[in-house]
Structure formats: structure tokens, C-alpha cells
Amino acid sequence: MAISVLCWSFAPETRALTITLDSRSIPGLTPKAPLVAHSLRISGRFEQGDGDKLRVMLAGLKNKTVRIASQPLATAELSSSGGDLLEGLKVGYLFREFEVATLVRKGNICLSACAMAFLGGTASRQPPTPLPSRTIEIGGQVGFHNFTLDATAVQSETKGDATAGIARGFGLGRAGASALIRYAADLGVDPGFIAQLLVRPPDTWLYVDTDEMFLTVGACPSGPEPPLGRLEQQAVNVCNHASGGAGVAEPSQAQPMSAREAKRYLLEQVQRNIASANVKGPLVGQLAGVLASKDDRLIDSVYADLRAAGISLPEQMGRSFMVSGYAFGELQADCHVNLSGSDPNKFDFILIIRGAGLSRSFALPPPMCPALFRYDGQQVINPKR
């Protein structure tokens, strides 16, 4: 017996899942080899057998489609109030296997089993790590909740035996929870999010509305997003996200730095790292000489050379800030962040653990929409309507 999630919609959804395909040719490198963009429209209720039908369709598309590196085979537009949980997971796994991006359009809903399938959205599975592609247009709704069992089906299966029914229900519940946890791990979704779902009543919902929810499920917003606010606040937001819960700083803890001050300060941190490691050689003396000089061109050159050599130094592309107030156990830490003033997706940062040196962040921005790090986690990006 399949585990079914509780369905919710403005009106009961009775129609089975339908999948329609729209394929459009676009010019390729040669006139005889046009590229084809595929869009799948998936709507209705998820039911047993839908995954098998989708696999046949995706296999056919894969066999006849000329692929572009790091681009999805197709984009699946989802509109569904839910249905069978395990079928939703199966569809999500198919999206990952065949590299299908997922999209929820403005005015559409994707709930329960559909939301789980949405998490499978993938642009590429090429090493070293898969590249997710999950998009929600502002005004589209993606909602998650805990699953529930079909009590009627359990009673029918156990022929009214109360003891057998309880045992069967418990077994199905445990299997459903295990399937969700494994699914999250396979798709790179925070398992803590699934654990949060499993302790909630089935009739309570978690919608992808705030910045933190977008980050948690690895989704990107599309459409008119709220303004980012002052650069000091953006710097703090980036560092709060990057620190992975090591603290929550306020704008008053963001100290602006000039490009010259930032490069000199960061090179001093590199020098301290070298000294603490008791490294000997010409580099030590050269770096000390550079820092003792007042030649900004020399500072710029050494900074660029060390970055090219793989030293963890952030790219300087705009305004720099040093944000204090983070702690990893007993170790205090600061965060240096540099923000482009023209492109919200362009910024760089590094954590400076006092006594331990430079460290790349403990959390990285999503590759498809890094600008989410510039918002406060609780800011509503996609208001429910």
C-alpha cells in the first residue's frame, strides 16, 4: 500500500496527473543541428504509476535531444495540490536522474507530494556535485507538511484486525519517515528540514516564503524581489548566513574598510598564519617587506599573486566590511565581506578565526542565486496570497 499525503487546495483536486510536452527548436551551432528546449507541464494529483509514465517520456527525450553542458534536459512546470507521497519522491528522483529543472509559475500551487517532487529539480549531475535548479516565480506557492496514512486502505488490508492495523500503520509511518530522510540526503536538502516536518501535525504547513526557506530547500525566486537595503545590512546578512549559526550580528557590528585597508589587513592575517606555522623561506621576508612598505601597487600585486596561488583571500570588487560578533565554541571570529554595488550576485567573504587564521565560510551561497545571502533570513521574499 502506498503512503498518501494529505491533499490541500482551494477546491478538491480529483483529476489524475497529466503531463504535457512543449518542445521548441532554437538555432544551434550549425543549421542542421538545431537545439531543442523542452518544457513539461505537470498538473493534477500524484498517483501510483505516474513515475513509470514519466520515466518513459524522459527516456525518449534524452535519446533524441542534443544537450548543452550544465543545462537541464527539460524544465518541469508543476501545479498540483499533492497526492501519493512515494510517487512524488519517485518523480523527484527522476528529475535528478534525467537532469530536469523544476519551476512553479506565478499563480500556481505545488503542495505535499508535488513539493517533494519539486526538490528533485536539477540542472546537471556532473562532478564534483550536482547543480540544483528549482525556481519559484514570485506569487507561486510551494508548501510542505507531514504525511498522513490512508486509514481506510490500512483497515481494508488488515481486514478490520485492530492489532494488525496498528502494527501496519506504525510500519508504514516509519517507512515513510525513513524514505523522506533518505530522499533529503540524496538531493542535498538539509535533513533538519525534514525532521522539522515529521514532528508537525499534518494539517500545518511550511511554505517557501522567507529567505531562509528558499535557502533551506535550495530554491531560487524569480520576479520582483524586495529591495536589498543598506550595504552595511547586506554585509551582516552575508556573514550571518556564512557563519552557519555561529552568531547573529547587527549592522552596528559592520565596520567599513577601504580597499587599501582591507588588503593590508588580510595580508597581515596571512603573515600571522605563516608565522604561527613556523614557515621559513623567502616568502616570509617578502611579505613582511611588502607590509612595511607604503606602496599600494605592491600590495595589490602581492594580494593578486597570493589569490592566484590558492590562498583564501576574498576578491575585492566593491565595498568592504569587517563584521564582528561570531564564536565557534571558545574561539572568537570576524567576517570580512566585499560587496559589488551593481550586481547583487557578486560578493566574496571569508571568516577570520582569532588565533586560527583565515577560513572559508561554513556555509556557501546557492550557486544559481547567490544574492539570497544578502537578505535577512526572516525577510519575506515570496508573500503568500
Protein backbone atom coordinates (compact mmCIF):
# COMPACT_ATOMS: atom_id res chain seq x y z
CA MET A 1 0.00 0.00 0.00
CA ALA A 2 1.35 3.42 -0.83
CA ILE A 3 1.64 6.17 1.73
CA SER A 4 -0.56 9.11 0.81
CA VAL A 5 -0.09 12.67 1.93
CA LEU A 6 -2.92 14.92 2.99
CA CYS A 7 -4.05 16.93 -0.01
CA TRP A 8 -4.97 20.57 0.22
CA SER A 9 -6.23 23.02 -2.37
CA PHE A 10 -8.83 25.73 -2.73
CA ALA A 11 -11.08 23.06 -4.24
CA PRO A 12 -10.73 19.28 -4.03
CA GLU A 13 -8.48 18.04 -6.82
CA THR A 14 -9.88 14.88 -8.35
CA ARG A 15 -8.20 14.67 -11.72
CA ALA A 16 -5.22 12.38 -12.18
CA LEU A 17 -1.77 13.67 -13.04
CA THR A 18 -1.42 14.94 -16.59
CA ILE A 19 1.88 15.58 -18.35
CA THR A 20 2.05 17.67 -21.49
CA LEU A 21 5.20 18.38 -23.51
CA ASP A 22 6.12 21.54 -25.38
CA SER A 23 9.33 21.33 -27.44
CA ARG A 24 10.75 24.32 -29.26
CA SER A 25 13.68 24.40 -31.67
CA ILE A 26 16.28 27.09 -31.25
CA PRO A 27 19.23 27.77 -33.59
CA GLY A 28 22.27 25.59 -32.94
CA LEU A 29 25.89 25.85 -33.93
CA THR A 30 25.02 24.57 -37.40
CA PRO A 31 21.75 24.84 -39.38
CA LYS A 32 21.47 21.05 -39.49
CA ALA A 33 21.79 20.65 -35.71
CA PRO A 34 19.19 22.86 -34.00
CA LEU A 35 18.87 22.69 -30.25
CA VAL A 36 15.56 21.80 -28.65
CA ALA A 37 14.18 23.28 -25.43
CA HIS A 38 11.66 21.03 -23.67
CA SER A 39 9.00 22.17 -21.20
CA LEU A 40 6.84 19.69 -19.29
CA ARG A 41 3.59 20.86 -17.74
CA ILE A 42 2.72 18.54 -14.85
CA SER A 43 -0.62 19.08 -13.12
CA GLY A 44 -3.22 17.11 -11.18
CA ARG A 45 -2.96 14.57 -8.41
CA PHE A 46 0.09 12.30 -8.00
CA GLU A 47 -0.99 8.66 -8.16
CA GLN A 48 0.74 5.28 -8.35
CA GLY A 49 2.17 4.62 -11.78
CA ASP A 50 2.80 8.29 -12.66
CA GLY A 51 6.54 7.90 -12.16
CA ASP A 52 6.70 4.99 -14.60
CA LYS A 53 4.90 7.02 -17.25
CA LEU A 54 7.22 9.97 -16.71
CA ARG A 55 10.31 7.76 -16.97
CA VAL A 56 9.24 6.57 -20.44
CA MET A 57 8.74 10.16 -21.58
CA LEU A 58 12.05 11.41 -20.18
CA ALA A 59 13.99 8.48 -21.63
CA GLY A 60 12.57 9.32 -25.06
CA LEU A 61 13.55 12.99 -24.69
CA LYS A 62 17.05 12.09 -23.59
CA ASN A 63 17.60 9.83 -26.61
CA LYS A 64 16.65 12.47 -29.16
CA THR A 65 17.94 15.67 -27.56
CA VAL A 66 21.30 17.37 -28.20
CA ARG A 67 22.45 18.52 -24.78
CA ILE A 68 24.25 21.67 -23.70
CA ALA A 69 26.74 21.30 -20.85
CA SER A 70 25.33 22.27 -17.43
CA GLN A 71 21.87 22.86 -18.93
CA PRO A 72 18.85 20.74 -17.95
CA LEU A 73 17.27 18.28 -20.33
CA ALA A 74 13.89 19.94 -19.70
CA THR A 75 12.02 22.22 -17.33
CA ALA A 76 9.04 20.78 -15.45
CA GLU A 77 6.34 23.32 -14.61
CA LEU A 78 4.47 21.96 -11.58
CA SER A 79 0.89 22.68 -10.50
CA SER A 80 -0.59 20.17 -8.05
CA SER A 81 -2.13 20.00 -4.59
CA GLY A 82 -0.36 16.70 -3.87
CA GLY A 83 -1.26 13.04 -3.86
CA ASP A 84 0.75 9.90 -3.19
CA LEU A 85 3.93 10.65 -1.25
CA LEU A 86 6.06 7.81 -2.57
CA GLU A 87 5.07 8.68 -6.14
CA GLY A 88 6.12 12.27 -5.50
CA LEU A 89 9.52 11.04 -4.29
CA LYS A 90 9.82 8.80 -7.35
CA VAL A 91 9.15 11.76 -9.65
CA GLY A 92 11.72 13.86 -7.76
CA TYR A 93 14.34 11.14 -8.21
CA LEU A 94 13.53 11.08 -11.94
CA PHE A 95 14.09 14.84 -12.14
CA ARG A 96 17.53 14.33 -10.59
CA GLU A 97 18.38 11.29 -12.76
CA PHE A 98 17.40 12.92 -16.07
CA GLU A 99 18.56 16.44 -15.11
CA VAL A 100 15.18 18.17 -15.21
CA ALA A 101 14.77 21.64 -13.71
CA THR A 102 11.61 22.40 -11.72
CA LEU A 103 9.50 25.57 -11.84
CA VAL A 104 6.34 26.79 -10.12
CA ARG A 105 4.72 29.63 -12.02
CA LYS A 106 3.10 32.70 -10.54
CA GLY A 107 -0.46 31.85 -9.51
CA ASN A 108 0.20 28.08 -9.34
CA ILE A 109 0.48 25.90 -6.24
CA CYS A 110 2.71 22.91 -5.61
CA LEU A 111 1.87 21.19 -2.33
CA SER A 112 2.60 17.98 -0.43
CA ALA A 113 3.83 15.28 -2.82
CA CYS A 114 4.29 17.93 -5.51
CA ALA A 115 6.56 19.95 -3.20
CA MET A 116 8.67 16.86 -2.60
CA ALA A 117 8.95 16.27 -6.35
CA PHE A 118 9.93 19.93 -6.77
CA LEU A 119 13.05 19.28 -4.67
CA GLY A 120 14.37 16.97 -7.40
CA GLY A 121 14.94 19.87 -9.81
CA THR A 122 18.46 19.53 -11.26
CA ALA A 123 20.39 21.34 -13.99
CA SER A 124 23.36 18.98 -14.05
CA ARG A 125 24.70 15.91 -12.25
CA GLN A 126 28.25 16.41 -13.48
CA PRO A 127 31.03 16.04 -10.86
CA PRO A 128 32.02 17.20 -8.37
CA THR A 129 28.49 17.92 -7.11
CA PRO A 130 25.04 18.07 -8.74
CA LEU A 131 23.78 21.54 -9.65
CA PRO A 132 20.19 22.03 -8.43
CA SER A 133 17.68 24.05 -10.42
CA ARG A 134 14.45 24.81 -8.53
CA THR A 135 12.65 28.06 -9.26
CA ILE A 136 9.57 29.68 -7.77
CA GLU A 137 8.11 32.70 -9.50
CA ILE A 138 7.05 35.36 -7.03
CA GLY A 139 3.36 34.61 -6.49
CA GLY A 140 3.70 30.85 -6.91
CA GLN A 141 3.28 28.74 -3.76
CA VAL A 142 5.28 25.68 -2.67
CA GLY A 143 4.12 24.13 0.59
CA PHE A 144 5.34 21.19 2.70
CA HIS A 145 3.72 19.26 5.53
CA ASN A 146 3.96 15.95 7.34
CA PHE A 147 2.38 12.97 5.61
CA THR A 148 -0.64 11.04 6.84
CA LEU A 149 -1.78 7.47 6.18
CA ASP A 150 -4.84 6.35 4.30
CA ALA A 151 -6.68 4.74 7.25
CA THR A 152 -9.32 3.18 5.02
CA ALA A 153 -6.70 1.37 2.98
CA VAL A 154 -4.96 0.11 6.14
CA GLN A 155 -8.25 -1.21 7.56
CA SER A 156 -9.06 -2.93 4.28
CA GLU A 157 -5.64 -4.51 4.07
CA THR A 158 -5.75 -5.84 7.66
CA LYS A 159 -9.42 -6.91 7.36
CA GLY A 160 -10.52 -4.91 10.40
CA ASP A 161 -8.00 -6.52 12.79
CA ALA A 162 -7.21 -3.61 15.16
CA THR A 163 -3.88 -5.01 16.37
CA ALA A 164 -2.72 -5.80 12.87
CA GLY A 165 -3.90 -2.38 11.71
CA ILE A 166 -1.89 -0.58 14.39
CA ALA A 167 1.22 -2.62 13.56
CA ARG A 168 0.77 -2.00 9.84
CA GLY A 169 0.22 1.74 10.36
CA PHE A 170 3.30 2.01 12.57
CA GLY A 171 5.41 0.20 10.00
CA LEU A 172 4.19 2.40 7.17
CA GLY A 173 4.80 5.53 9.21
CA ARG A 174 8.35 4.50 9.98
CA ALA A 175 8.95 3.59 6.33
CA GLY A 176 7.59 6.95 5.19
CA ALA A 177 9.81 8.87 7.62
CA SER A 178 12.87 6.87 6.53
CA ALA A 179 12.07 7.48 2.86
CA LEU A 180 11.83 11.24 3.41
CA ILE A 181 15.10 11.44 5.34
CA ARG A 182 16.94 9.43 2.71
CA TYR A 183 15.38 11.50 -0.08
CA ALA A 184 16.59 14.73 1.54
CA ALA A 185 20.10 13.30 1.92
CA ASP A 186 20.19 12.12 -1.70
CA LEU A 187 19.11 15.54 -3.00
CA GLY A 188 21.34 17.60 -0.73
CA VAL A 189 18.45 19.13 1.24
CA ASP A 190 19.02 19.92 4.92
CA PRO A 191 17.82 16.80 6.83
CA GLY A 192 16.88 19.11 9.69
CA PHE A 193 14.12 20.49 7.49
CA ILE A 194 12.62 17.01 7.04
CA ALA A 195 12.97 16.35 10.78
CA GLN A 196 11.04 19.57 11.38
CA LEU A 197 8.26 18.37 9.08
CA LEU A 198 7.99 14.97 10.77
CA VAL A 199 7.21 16.42 14.21
CA ARG A 200 4.49 18.77 12.96
CA PRO A 201 0.78 17.94 12.73
CA PRO A 202 -0.16 17.02 9.13
CA ASP A 203 -2.52 19.98 8.84
CA THR A 204 0.20 22.61 9.45
CA TRP A 205 2.21 23.90 6.54
CA LEU A 206 5.66 25.26 5.79
CA TYR A 207 5.67 27.50 2.72
CA VAL A 208 8.69 28.70 0.79
CA ASP A 209 8.17 32.36 1.55
CA THR A 210 11.12 33.68 3.57
CA ASP A 211 14.73 34.00 2.50
CA GLU A 212 15.69 31.21 4.92
CA MET A 213 13.11 28.85 3.44
CA PHE A 214 14.43 29.45 -0.07
CA LEU A 215 17.93 28.63 1.18
CA THR A 216 16.75 25.59 3.12
CA VAL A 217 15.11 23.91 0.12
CA GLY A 218 17.69 25.14 -2.40
CA ALA A 219 15.20 27.13 -4.46
CA CYS A 220 15.60 30.43 -6.31
CA PRO A 221 12.98 33.18 -6.57
CA SER A 222 12.13 34.67 -9.96
CA GLY A 223 10.41 38.00 -10.37
CA PRO A 224 10.22 41.27 -8.47
CA GLU A 225 12.20 40.65 -5.29
CA PRO A 226 12.23 43.11 -2.35
CA PRO A 227 14.98 45.76 -2.19
CA LEU A 228 18.23 44.70 -0.56
CA GLY A 229 18.64 47.64 1.83
CA ARG A 230 21.82 49.34 3.01
CA LEU A 231 25.19 47.77 2.24
CA GLU A 232 26.02 47.50 5.96
CA GLN A 233 22.93 45.36 6.48
CA GLN A 234 23.72 43.28 3.40
CA ALA A 235 27.24 42.65 4.71
CA VAL A 236 25.83 41.48 8.04
CA ASN A 237 23.29 39.24 6.29
CA VAL A 238 26.03 37.60 4.19
CA CYS A 239 28.17 36.94 7.27
CA ASN A 240 25.25 35.65 9.34
CA HIS A 241 24.46 33.13 6.62
CA ALA A 242 28.11 32.24 6.03
CA SER A 243 28.86 31.61 9.71
CA GLY A 244 26.39 28.72 9.80
CA GLY A 245 24.72 29.75 13.06
CA ALA A 246 27.87 30.90 14.90
CA GLY A 247 26.19 34.19 15.74
CA VAL A 248 23.78 36.87 14.58
CA ALA A 249 25.45 40.23 14.11
CA GLU A 250 23.75 43.62 13.81
CA PRO A 251 24.56 46.43 11.35
CA SER A 252 26.35 48.30 14.15
CA GLN A 253 28.93 45.48 14.14
CA ALA A 254 29.84 46.09 10.47
CA GLN A 255 32.93 48.28 10.15
CA PRO A 256 33.55 49.74 6.66
CA MET A 257 37.07 49.42 5.25
CA SER A 258 38.75 50.95 2.26
CA ALA A 259 40.20 48.63 -0.38
CA ARG A 260 43.70 49.52 0.82
CA GLU A 261 42.84 48.83 4.47
CA ALA A 262 41.12 45.55 3.58
CA LYS A 263 44.01 44.18 1.52
CA ARG A 264 46.61 45.19 4.10
CA TYR A 265 44.61 43.71 6.95
CA LEU A 266 44.05 40.41 5.14
CA LEU A 267 47.71 40.15 4.15
CA GLU A 268 48.59 40.67 7.81
CA GLN A 269 46.37 37.68 8.63
CA VAL A 270 48.26 35.60 6.05
CA GLN A 271 51.53 36.70 7.62
CA ARG A 272 50.30 35.63 11.07
CA ASN A 273 49.26 32.24 9.67
CA ILE A 274 52.73 31.75 8.20
CA ALA A 275 54.42 32.81 11.43
CA SER A 276 52.25 30.53 13.58
CA ALA A 277 53.12 27.61 11.32
CA ASN A 278 56.82 28.44 11.74
CA VAL A 279 57.29 28.56 7.97
CA LYS A 280 60.73 29.64 6.75
CA GLY A 281 61.79 30.90 3.36
CA PRO A 282 61.86 33.95 1.09
CA LEU A 283 58.07 34.37 1.10
CA VAL A 284 58.10 35.26 4.79
CA GLY A 285 60.60 38.04 4.31
CA GLN A 286 58.98 39.30 1.13
CA LEU A 287 55.55 39.55 2.74
CA ALA A 288 56.98 41.35 5.75
CA GLY A 289 58.71 43.81 3.43
CA VAL A 290 55.56 44.44 1.44
CA LEU A 291 53.54 45.17 4.57
CA ALA A 292 56.22 47.52 5.85
CA SER A 293 56.13 49.50 2.63
CA LYS A 294 53.60 52.15 1.69
CA ASP A 295 53.43 51.13 -1.96
CA ASP A 296 49.78 50.35 -2.75
CA ARG A 297 50.71 48.93 -6.16
CA LEU A 298 52.99 46.40 -4.48
CA ILE A 299 50.22 45.47 -2.03
CA ASP A 300 47.80 44.97 -4.95
CA SER A 301 50.30 42.82 -6.84
CA VAL A 302 51.11 40.54 -3.90
CA TYR A 303 47.44 40.22 -3.00
CA ALA A 304 46.60 39.14 -6.56
CA ASP A 305 49.55 36.72 -6.67
CA LEU A 306 48.53 35.04 -3.41
CA ARG A 307 44.94 34.68 -4.62
CA ALA A 308 46.20 33.13 -7.85
CA ALA A 309 48.32 30.74 -5.80
CA GLY A 310 45.23 29.47 -3.98
CA ILE A 311 45.43 31.44 -0.72
CA SER A 312 41.93 32.03 0.67
CA LEU A 313 41.70 35.76 0.11
CA PRO A 314 38.37 37.29 -0.96
CA GLU A 315 38.05 39.06 -4.27
CA GLN A 316 37.92 42.84 -3.88
CA MET A 317 35.14 44.11 -6.15
CA GLY A 318 33.37 46.90 -4.27
CA ARG A 319 32.74 47.96 -0.67
CA SER A 320 34.49 46.07 2.14
CA PHE A 321 33.22 45.47 5.68
CA MET A 322 34.56 43.69 8.74
CA VAL A 323 31.72 42.16 10.78
CA SER A 324 32.40 41.05 14.34
CA GLY A 325 30.40 39.00 16.84
CA TYR A 326 30.84 35.34 15.88
CA ALA A 327 32.01 32.46 18.04
CA PHE A 328 32.90 28.84 17.35
CA GLY A 329 32.95 27.35 20.80
CA GLU A 330 35.53 29.39 22.71
CA LEU A 331 37.08 30.82 19.54
CA GLN A 332 36.00 34.31 18.52
CA ALA A 333 35.69 35.11 14.83
CA ASP A 334 35.21 38.03 12.46
CA CYS A 335 33.86 38.01 8.92
CA HIS A 336 35.32 40.03 6.09
CA VAL A 337 32.94 40.63 3.19
CA ASN A 338 33.27 42.55 -0.06
CA LEU A 339 30.12 43.55 -1.95
CA SER A 340 29.60 44.67 -5.52
CA GLY A 341 27.34 47.70 -5.56
CA SER A 342 25.94 46.95 -9.04
CA ASP A 343 25.45 43.17 -9.15
CA PRO A 344 23.71 41.54 -6.14
CA ASN A 345 25.06 38.13 -7.16
CA LYS A 346 28.68 39.29 -6.88
CA PHE A 347 30.32 39.29 -3.45
CA ASP A 348 33.04 37.42 -1.61
CA PHE A 349 33.77 36.75 2.04
CA ILE A 350 35.97 34.91 4.49
CA LEU A 351 35.89 34.09 8.20
CA ILE A 352 38.84 35.11 10.35
CA ILE A 353 39.03 32.93 13.44
CA ARG A 354 41.13 34.68 16.04
CA GLY A 355 44.12 32.56 16.85
CA ALA A 356 43.44 30.14 13.99
CA GLY A 357 43.67 32.34 10.90
CA LEU A 358 41.65 32.56 7.69
CA SER A 359 38.90 30.10 6.93
CA ARG A 360 36.41 29.83 4.13
CA SER A 361 32.82 30.04 5.33
CA PHE A 362 30.92 27.19 6.90
CA ALA A 363 28.00 27.79 4.53
CA LEU A 364 28.10 28.78 0.88
CA PRO A 365 25.51 30.70 -1.13
CA PRO A 366 23.39 28.76 -3.63
CA PRO A 367 25.18 28.72 -7.00
CA MET A 368 22.05 29.53 -9.00
CA CYS A 369 21.01 32.55 -6.87
CA PRO A 370 23.79 33.70 -4.53
CA ALA A 371 22.03 37.04 -3.92
CA LEU A 372 19.81 35.26 -1.34
CA PHE A 373 22.73 35.60 1.11
CA ARG A 374 22.28 39.38 1.01
CA TYR A 375 18.82 39.21 2.62
CA ASP A 376 18.00 38.68 6.26
CA GLY A 377 16.89 35.08 6.77
CA GLN A 378 13.47 36.11 8.08
CA GLN A 379 12.71 38.55 5.28
CA VAL A 380 9.68 37.54 3.24
CA ILE A 381 10.71 37.12 -0.39
CA ASN A 382 7.54 35.48 -1.70
CA PRO A 383 4.44 36.64 0.23
CA LYS A 384 1.55 34.17 0.49
CA ARG A 385 -1.56 35.48 -1.25
